[in-house]
């Protein structure tokens, strides 16, 4: 029991299930609508058996790609998988899903139980890069300045008319 607590303290960013180790334990991505975000996931096979692994998103499957999405690991091996998220294909500002990693023993047995881990994943998508933010801020600033100038000119004309009467 002490070893479990010690390992939880030393490796808080790793998820482990029987036959599969995953890092990180949670994914938070931030991207702009016109960009692609990437995250590296490390998958390890802690068993003595050869296993086939599959990585996929539970929801929004068309927005996520995994390289590789399916692979085989020998006993004790580990592999990095690149998760790519395409922000261009959605109008949402915040997405929440799970990334599933499924392990299946390669050996033919009478009873094969698959092992899986779900990684909670959140993606925050902003409207655009810095250039569009500056354009919006400039438009608001100069629009407000123009309205203030029009108001002052109107007041000046009104004051001259009142003074002439």
Foldseek 3Di string as FASTA:
>chain_A
DVVVVVCCVVQVQWDDDVQKIKGGQAAEAEEALQDKDKDKMKIWGQDQFKKKKAKAWPPPRVFKDKVVRIDIDHHGDMDIIMIMGRSNVDPDQKDKTWIKMKIWGPDDDPDTDIDMGTHIYMYGYHHHDPVVVVVVVVVVVVVVVVVVVVVVVVVVVVVVVVVVD
